[in-house]
């Protein structure tokens, strides 16, 4: 069993300093406080949360559980994390960053430690296995993502279903009838990541309504995997003139491969990307995008957490909130009307 002495040795401080950090009874520098809290989390130390509750103290810390996966676009994750941290500080809270390597056991450990007043989860799966662990402990929880069952939780996410539908409508309005949907790697779909599943579902439903044929192909995002994905799409549907890309790493390779194949963008092929605005402007041609405000996710999530914590302190049941941020279609130079087929000789 991990003790305060173990934490003190790991953090390079005295046992009394560890106690001061945990019970908030003395002013401790932010550097020392952060070092102690990291040691507590790494060692799995569980302070006597009951005693702290009797003392009427709160940690003023929110745990942010953020995945570090190779198949995710890190700049977007960091933008959200920075937004959470900035907004939390505005409310007088610090943020404890927890990488999501241990799954349910990791969030169970953080919740049981009493280190954090509440937990914000990122990279939410449709049937996320971390959620039951937090519900069982009664931990105040906010999700940046939308699971299949959001009861007893507050959630905020982009409306990915609407985003997928926007992509389909844009290409259909331009006259495209055969479209390739290049998604994230297969691992994202295997773990049922909500953002990927809901985008695809929204696109599929709208494409069927608009009588547009499409092929969905997962892609790992490397040049080789993008080349293989494009080859498969064109082999199965040679008449494909539109592409939707929900994979930031695959955008650059796709544009280069289309050019090498003699398909100019947007004259011969239109490309619509689900990606941040700043990334869209970096490519040539500048990309037509469907996107949402990443920073707003963090601000809304912290606001939901503060309201849950305030209600809990008053002995009131927290209100379960569900917020979906509306996506925006920004038309740039990568999409145009479907090229007319060549006329038959008379």
Protein backbone atom coordinates (compact mmCIF):
# COMPACT_ATOMS: atom_id res chain seq x y z
CA UNK A 1 0.00 0.00 0.00
CA UNK A 2 1.40 3.39 -1.02
CA UNK A 3 1.95 5.81 1.88
CA UNK A 4 2.52 9.55 2.20
CA UNK A 5 6.20 8.76 2.85
CA UNK A 6 6.39 6.95 -0.50
CA UNK A 7 4.86 9.95 -2.27
CA UNK A 8 7.25 12.32 -0.48
CA UNK A 9 10.28 10.26 -1.52
CA UNK A 10 9.07 10.02 -5.12
CA UNK A 11 8.43 13.79 -5.31
CA UNK A 12 11.61 14.75 -3.44
CA UNK A 13 9.79 16.62 -0.66
CA UNK A 14 8.93 16.08 2.99
CA UNK A 15 5.90 14.13 4.17
CA UNK A 16 4.48 17.29 5.70
CA UNK A 17 4.66 19.03 2.32
CA UNK A 18 2.66 16.19 0.78
CA UNK A 19 0.04 16.60 3.53
CA UNK A 20 -0.09 20.36 2.98
CA UNK A 21 -0.69 19.86 -0.73
CA UNK A 22 -3.43 17.29 -0.16
CA UNK A 23 -5.35 19.19 2.50
CA UNK A 24 -4.70 22.71 1.21
CA UNK A 25 -3.80 24.04 4.65
CA UNK A 26 -0.60 25.89 3.63
CA UNK A 27 0.58 27.95 0.69
CA UNK A 28 2.75 25.73 -1.52
CA UNK A 29 4.49 26.82 -4.71
CA UNK A 30 2.83 25.72 -7.97
CA UNK A 31 5.99 23.85 -9.00
CA UNK A 32 6.11 21.80 -5.78
CA UNK A 33 2.35 21.26 -5.80
CA UNK A 34 2.46 19.96 -9.36
CA UNK A 35 5.35 17.62 -8.55
CA UNK A 36 3.49 16.16 -5.57
CA UNK A 37 0.26 15.66 -7.52
CA UNK A 38 2.10 13.91 -10.35
CA UNK A 39 3.71 11.56 -7.84
CA UNK A 40 0.35 10.85 -6.22
CA UNK A 41 -1.14 9.97 -9.61
CA UNK A 42 1.83 7.88 -10.78
CA UNK A 43 2.05 5.88 -7.55
CA UNK A 44 -1.71 5.43 -7.21
CA UNK A 45 -1.81 6.92 -3.71
CA UNK A 46 -5.33 7.20 -2.27
CA UNK A 47 -5.51 9.94 0.37
CA UNK A 48 -8.15 9.76 3.02
CA UNK A 49 -10.86 11.46 1.00
CA UNK A 50 -13.37 10.95 3.81
CA UNK A 51 -11.26 12.94 6.24
CA UNK A 52 -10.83 15.68 3.69
CA UNK A 53 -14.60 15.82 3.18
CA UNK A 54 -15.13 16.14 6.95
CA UNK A 55 -12.73 19.05 6.91
CA UNK A 56 -14.90 20.65 4.25
CA UNK A 57 -12.05 20.99 1.79
CA UNK A 58 -12.02 20.67 -1.96
CA UNK A 59 -9.01 20.01 -4.16
CA UNK A 60 -9.87 22.74 -6.70
CA UNK A 61 -8.53 20.32 -9.32
CA UNK A 62 -10.23 18.92 -12.41
CA UNK A 63 -8.75 15.78 -13.95
CA UNK A 64 -8.57 15.83 -17.75
CA UNK A 65 -8.26 12.32 -19.18
CA UNK A 66 -6.67 12.75 -22.60
CA UNK A 67 -5.59 9.88 -24.86
CA UNK A 68 -2.19 9.76 -26.51
CA UNK A 69 -2.84 7.65 -29.60
CA UNK A 70 -0.86 7.40 -32.81
CA UNK A 71 -4.05 7.51 -34.89
CA UNK A 72 -5.22 10.88 -33.56
CA UNK A 73 -4.41 14.40 -34.72
CA UNK A 74 -2.47 15.76 -31.75
CA UNK A 75 -2.81 19.53 -32.51
CA UNK A 76 -6.60 19.28 -32.15
CA UNK A 77 -6.30 17.41 -28.86
CA UNK A 78 -3.83 19.96 -27.52
CA UNK A 79 -6.06 22.86 -28.58
CA UNK A 80 -8.90 21.37 -26.54
CA UNK A 81 -6.63 20.62 -23.58
CA UNK A 82 -5.26 24.18 -23.53
CA UNK A 83 -8.80 25.54 -23.69
CA UNK A 84 -9.85 23.37 -20.73
CA UNK A 85 -6.83 24.49 -18.71
CA UNK A 86 -7.33 28.19 -19.49
CA UNK A 87 -11.05 28.13 -18.68
CA UNK A 88 -10.48 26.12 -15.49
CA UNK A 89 -7.97 28.68 -14.24
CA UNK A 90 -10.51 31.42 -14.90
CA UNK A 91 -12.76 29.62 -12.39
CA UNK A 92 -9.94 29.08 -9.88
CA UNK A 93 -9.28 25.42 -10.73
CA UNK A 94 -6.10 23.63 -11.78
CA UNK A 95 -6.08 20.76 -14.27
CA UNK A 96 -4.44 17.39 -13.69
CA UNK A 97 -3.63 15.80 -17.05
CA UNK A 98 -4.08 12.03 -17.08
CA UNK A 99 -3.04 10.00 -20.11
CA UNK A 100 -5.53 7.29 -20.97
CA UNK A 101 -3.26 4.25 -21.07
CA UNK A 102 -5.01 2.27 -18.31
CA UNK A 103 -8.61 2.66 -19.51
CA UNK A 104 -11.28 2.09 -16.82
CA UNK A 105 -8.73 1.21 -14.15
CA UNK A 106 -6.94 4.51 -14.66
CA UNK A 107 -10.04 6.68 -14.24
CA UNK A 108 -11.16 4.51 -11.30
CA UNK A 109 -7.82 5.14 -9.61
CA UNK A 110 -8.00 8.90 -10.17
CA UNK A 111 -11.58 9.05 -8.90
CA UNK A 112 -10.80 6.95 -5.81
CA UNK A 113 -7.74 9.04 -4.92
CA UNK A 114 -9.83 12.09 -4.14
CA UNK A 115 -7.28 14.22 -5.97
CA UNK A 116 -9.81 15.76 -8.33
CA UNK A 117 -13.24 17.25 -7.70
CA UNK A 118 -14.39 16.08 -11.13
CA UNK A 119 -13.22 14.33 -14.29
CA UNK A 120 -13.41 15.44 -17.94
CA UNK A 121 -13.03 12.60 -20.46
CA UNK A 122 -11.82 13.04 -24.05
CA UNK A 123 -11.89 10.61 -27.01
CA UNK A 124 -15.25 9.17 -25.98
CA UNK A 125 -16.36 5.88 -27.49
CA UNK A 126 -20.00 5.03 -28.16
CA UNK A 127 -19.98 2.36 -25.44
CA UNK A 128 -17.09 3.85 -23.46
CA UNK A 129 -15.90 1.39 -20.75
CA UNK A 130 -14.59 4.22 -18.56
CA UNK A 131 -18.04 5.68 -17.93
CA UNK A 132 -19.43 2.89 -15.69
CA UNK A 133 -16.36 3.18 -13.45
CA UNK A 134 -17.04 6.89 -12.87
CA UNK A 135 -20.79 6.41 -12.44
CA UNK A 136 -20.17 3.72 -9.82
CA UNK A 137 -18.18 6.17 -7.69
CA UNK A 138 -20.59 9.06 -8.19
CA UNK A 139 -17.78 11.16 -9.66
CA UNK A 140 -18.86 14.42 -11.29
CA UNK A 141 -18.11 13.73 -14.95
CA UNK A 142 -18.18 15.72 -18.18
CA UNK A 143 -17.52 14.16 -21.57
CA UNK A 144 -15.99 15.87 -24.58
CA UNK A 145 -17.77 13.45 -26.86
CA UNK A 146 -21.15 11.79 -27.00
CA UNK A 147 -21.64 8.16 -25.87
CA UNK A 148 -24.63 5.95 -26.60
CA UNK A 149 -25.86 6.38 -23.02
CA UNK A 150 -25.19 9.87 -21.60
CA UNK A 151 -27.41 9.69 -18.48
CA UNK A 152 -25.92 11.01 -15.21
CA UNK A 153 -23.35 12.88 -17.28
CA UNK A 154 -22.88 16.18 -19.06
CA UNK A 155 -21.59 16.08 -22.64
CA UNK A 156 -20.35 18.51 -25.25
CA UNK A 157 -19.25 17.62 -28.76
CA UNK A 158 -19.26 18.77 -32.33
CA UNK A 159 -22.40 17.65 -34.12
CA UNK A 160 -20.56 15.10 -36.24
CA UNK A 161 -23.78 13.67 -37.66
CA UNK A 162 -24.62 17.11 -39.05
CA UNK A 163 -21.02 17.51 -40.26
CA UNK A 164 -21.24 14.32 -42.30
CA UNK A 165 -24.55 15.45 -43.77
CA UNK A 166 -23.05 18.84 -44.72
CA UNK A 167 -20.27 17.12 -46.67
CA UNK A 168 -22.80 15.00 -48.58
CA UNK A 169 -25.07 17.96 -49.33
CA UNK A 170 -22.21 20.10 -50.62
CA UNK A 171 -20.98 17.49 -53.08
CA UNK A 172 -24.50 16.56 -54.14
CA UNK A 173 -25.31 20.23 -54.76
CA UNK A 174 -22.26 20.38 -57.05
CA UNK A 175 -23.59 17.44 -59.05
CA UNK A 176 -21.24 14.72 -57.84
CA UNK A 177 -22.80 11.28 -57.84
CA UNK A 178 -19.86 8.99 -57.00
CA UNK A 179 -17.90 9.89 -53.87
CA UNK A 180 -15.07 8.30 -51.91
CA UNK A 181 -15.06 8.75 -48.12
CA UNK A 182 -11.51 8.37 -46.74
CA UNK A 183 -11.71 7.91 -42.99
CA UNK A 184 -9.36 7.37 -40.07
CA UNK A 185 -7.45 4.13 -39.59
CA UNK A 186 -9.31 0.91 -38.88
CA UNK A 187 -8.43 1.07 -35.17
CA UNK A 188 -10.57 4.19 -34.74
CA UNK A 189 -13.64 2.36 -36.06
CA UNK A 190 -12.82 -0.83 -34.14
CA UNK A 191 -12.93 1.06 -30.84
CA UNK A 192 -16.13 2.83 -32.01
CA UNK A 193 -14.85 6.38 -31.56
CA UNK A 194 -17.94 8.57 -31.54
CA UNK A 195 -16.60 11.31 -33.82
CA UNK A 196 -15.78 8.82 -36.61
CA UNK A 197 -18.91 6.69 -36.27
CA UNK A 198 -21.31 9.65 -36.16
CA UNK A 199 -19.71 11.47 -39.09
CA UNK A 200 -19.94 8.39 -41.26
CA UNK A 201 -23.55 7.74 -40.19
CA UNK A 202 -24.56 11.32 -40.98
CA UNK A 203 -22.84 11.20 -44.36
CA UNK A 204 -24.33 7.82 -45.25
CA UNK A 205 -27.90 8.83 -44.41
CA UNK A 206 -27.71 12.09 -46.38
CA UNK A 207 -25.92 10.46 -49.33
CA UNK A 208 -28.73 7.90 -49.58
CA UNK A 209 -31.33 10.69 -49.43
CA UNK A 210 -29.52 12.56 -52.23
CA UNK A 211 -29.13 9.36 -54.30
CA UNK A 212 -25.37 9.63 -54.22
CA UNK A 213 -23.21 6.50 -54.32
CA UNK A 214 -20.18 6.35 -52.06
CA UNK A 215 -17.43 4.06 -50.84
CA UNK A 216 -16.02 4.35 -47.33
CA UNK A 217 -12.42 3.24 -46.86
CA UNK A 218 -10.40 3.49 -43.60
CA UNK A 219 -6.87 4.81 -44.08
CA UNK A 220 -3.85 4.87 -41.76
CA UNK A 221 -2.79 8.27 -43.14
CA UNK A 222 0.68 7.40 -44.48
CA UNK A 223 1.53 8.06 -48.12
CA UNK A 224 1.54 4.34 -48.87
CA UNK A 225 -1.79 3.65 -47.17
CA UNK A 226 -3.40 6.67 -48.84
CA UNK A 227 -2.13 5.51 -52.23
CA UNK A 228 -3.59 2.05 -51.63
CA UNK A 229 -6.90 3.52 -50.46
CA UNK A 230 -7.19 5.78 -53.51
CA UNK A 231 -6.28 2.92 -55.83
CA UNK A 232 -9.01 0.74 -54.32
CA UNK A 233 -11.64 3.48 -54.62
CA UNK A 234 -10.85 4.22 -58.26
CA UNK A 235 -10.65 0.52 -59.12
CA UNK A 236 -14.09 -0.09 -57.62
CA UNK A 237 -15.64 3.19 -58.84
CA UNK A 238 -13.62 4.67 -61.74
CA UNK A 239 -16.18 7.46 -62.08
CA UNK A 240 -15.53 8.87 -58.60
CA UNK A 241 -15.31 12.67 -58.78
CA UNK A 242 -15.75 13.68 -55.14
CA UNK A 243 -13.75 12.88 -52.01
CA UNK A 244 -14.53 13.45 -48.34
CA UNK A 245 -11.53 13.14 -46.02
CA UNK A 246 -11.85 12.68 -42.25
CA UNK A 247 -8.17 12.01 -41.66
CA UNK A 248 -5.83 14.98 -41.32
CA UNK A 249 -2.71 12.95 -42.12
CA UNK A 250 -4.15 11.66 -45.41
CA UNK A 251 -5.01 15.07 -46.90
CA UNK A 252 -1.56 15.98 -48.22
CA UNK A 253 -0.86 12.55 -49.74
CA UNK A 254 -4.31 12.47 -51.36
CA UNK A 255 -3.83 15.83 -53.09
CA UNK A 256 -0.42 14.77 -54.37
CA UNK A 257 -1.68 11.40 -55.58
CA UNK A 258 -4.64 12.92 -57.43
CA UNK A 259 -2.28 15.33 -59.18
CA UNK A 260 0.10 12.51 -60.10
CA UNK A 261 -2.84 10.56 -61.53
CA UNK A 262 -3.74 13.49 -63.78
CA UNK A 263 -6.82 14.47 -61.78
CA UNK A 264 -6.66 18.18 -61.06
CA UNK A 265 -8.39 19.55 -57.96
CA UNK A 266 -11.04 20.88 -58.30
CA UNK A 267 -11.40 20.62 -62.09
CA UNK A 268 -11.45 16.80 -62.18
CA UNK A 269 -11.99 15.90 -58.52
CA UNK A 270 -13.47 17.80 -55.58
CA UNK A 271 -12.09 17.35 -52.06
CA UNK A 272 -13.94 18.24 -48.86
CA UNK A 273 -12.05 17.81 -45.59
CA UNK A 274 -13.18 17.56 -41.99
CA UNK A 275 -10.26 19.36 -40.41
CA UNK A 276 -9.25 22.57 -38.59
CA UNK A 277 -9.40 25.82 -40.54
CA UNK A 278 -5.68 26.53 -40.15
CA UNK A 279 -4.79 23.18 -41.70
CA UNK A 280 -7.13 23.79 -44.63
CA UNK A 281 -5.31 27.00 -45.53
CA UNK A 282 -1.92 25.30 -45.59
CA UNK A 283 -2.73 23.14 -48.61
CA UNK A 284 -2.80 23.99 -52.30
CA UNK A 285 -5.50 24.42 -53.31
CA UNK A 286 -6.98 25.69 -50.06
CA UNK A 287 -9.47 23.10 -48.83
CA UNK A 288 -13.21 23.31 -48.59
CA UNK A 289 -13.89 22.23 -45.01
CA UNK A 290 -16.55 21.26 -42.54
CA UNK A 291 -15.29 22.16 -39.10
CA UNK A 292 -16.18 23.35 -35.62
CA UNK A 293 -14.54 25.49 -32.92
CA UNK A 294 -12.14 23.28 -30.96
CA UNK A 295 -11.57 25.85 -28.21
CA UNK A 296 -15.32 26.10 -27.61
CA UNK A 297 -15.40 22.41 -26.64
CA UNK A 298 -13.03 23.10 -23.76
CA UNK A 299 -14.87 26.21 -22.59
CA UNK A 300 -18.26 24.51 -22.60
CA UNK A 301 -16.93 21.39 -20.85
CA UNK A 302 -15.45 23.38 -17.98
CA UNK A 303 -18.65 25.41 -17.64
CA UNK A 304 -20.65 22.19 -17.38
CA UNK A 305 -18.24 20.87 -14.75
CA UNK A 306 -18.44 24.02 -12.64
CA UNK A 307 -22.24 23.84 -12.65
CA UNK A 308 -22.17 20.16 -11.63
CA UNK A 309 -19.73 20.83 -8.79
CA UNK A 310 -21.73 23.84 -7.59
CA UNK A 311 -24.94 21.79 -7.50
CA UNK A 312 -23.21 18.95 -5.64
CA UNK A 313 -21.88 21.35 -2.98
CA UNK A 314 -25.41 22.64 -2.44
CA UNK A 315 -26.73 19.12 -2.08
CA UNK A 316 -28.71 19.42 -5.30
CA UNK A 317 -28.77 16.86 -8.13
CA UNK A 318 -26.62 18.15 -11.02
CA UNK A 319 -28.36 18.85 -14.32
CA UNK A 320 -27.27 16.53 -17.13
CA UNK A 321 -26.44 18.80 -20.06
CA UNK A 322 -25.98 17.81 -23.69
CA UNK A 323 -24.53 20.40 -26.08
CA UNK A 324 -23.78 19.76 -29.75
CA UNK A 325 -21.84 22.51 -31.51
CA UNK A 326 -23.05 23.30 -35.00
CA UNK A 327 -20.53 22.60 -37.79
CA UNK A 328 -19.65 25.17 -40.44
CA UNK A 329 -19.10 24.60 -44.16
CA UNK A 330 -16.38 26.87 -45.55
CA UNK A 331 -16.11 26.71 -49.33
CA UNK A 332 -12.61 27.29 -50.69
CA UNK A 333 -10.80 26.20 -53.88
CA UNK A 334 -10.86 22.40 -53.58
CA UNK A 335 -14.48 21.81 -54.60
CA UNK A 336 -16.35 22.61 -57.81
CA UNK A 337 -19.15 21.33 -60.00
CA UNK A 338 -18.79 17.82 -61.35
CA UNK A 339 -17.00 17.93 -64.70
CA UNK A 340 -19.33 17.33 -67.63
CA UNK A 341 -18.75 14.05 -69.48
CA UNK A 342 -17.20 14.42 -72.94
CA UNK A 343 -19.70 14.76 -75.76
CA UNK A 344 -20.18 11.81 -78.08
CA UNK A 345 -18.92 12.46 -81.61
CA UNK A 346 -21.75 13.15 -84.05
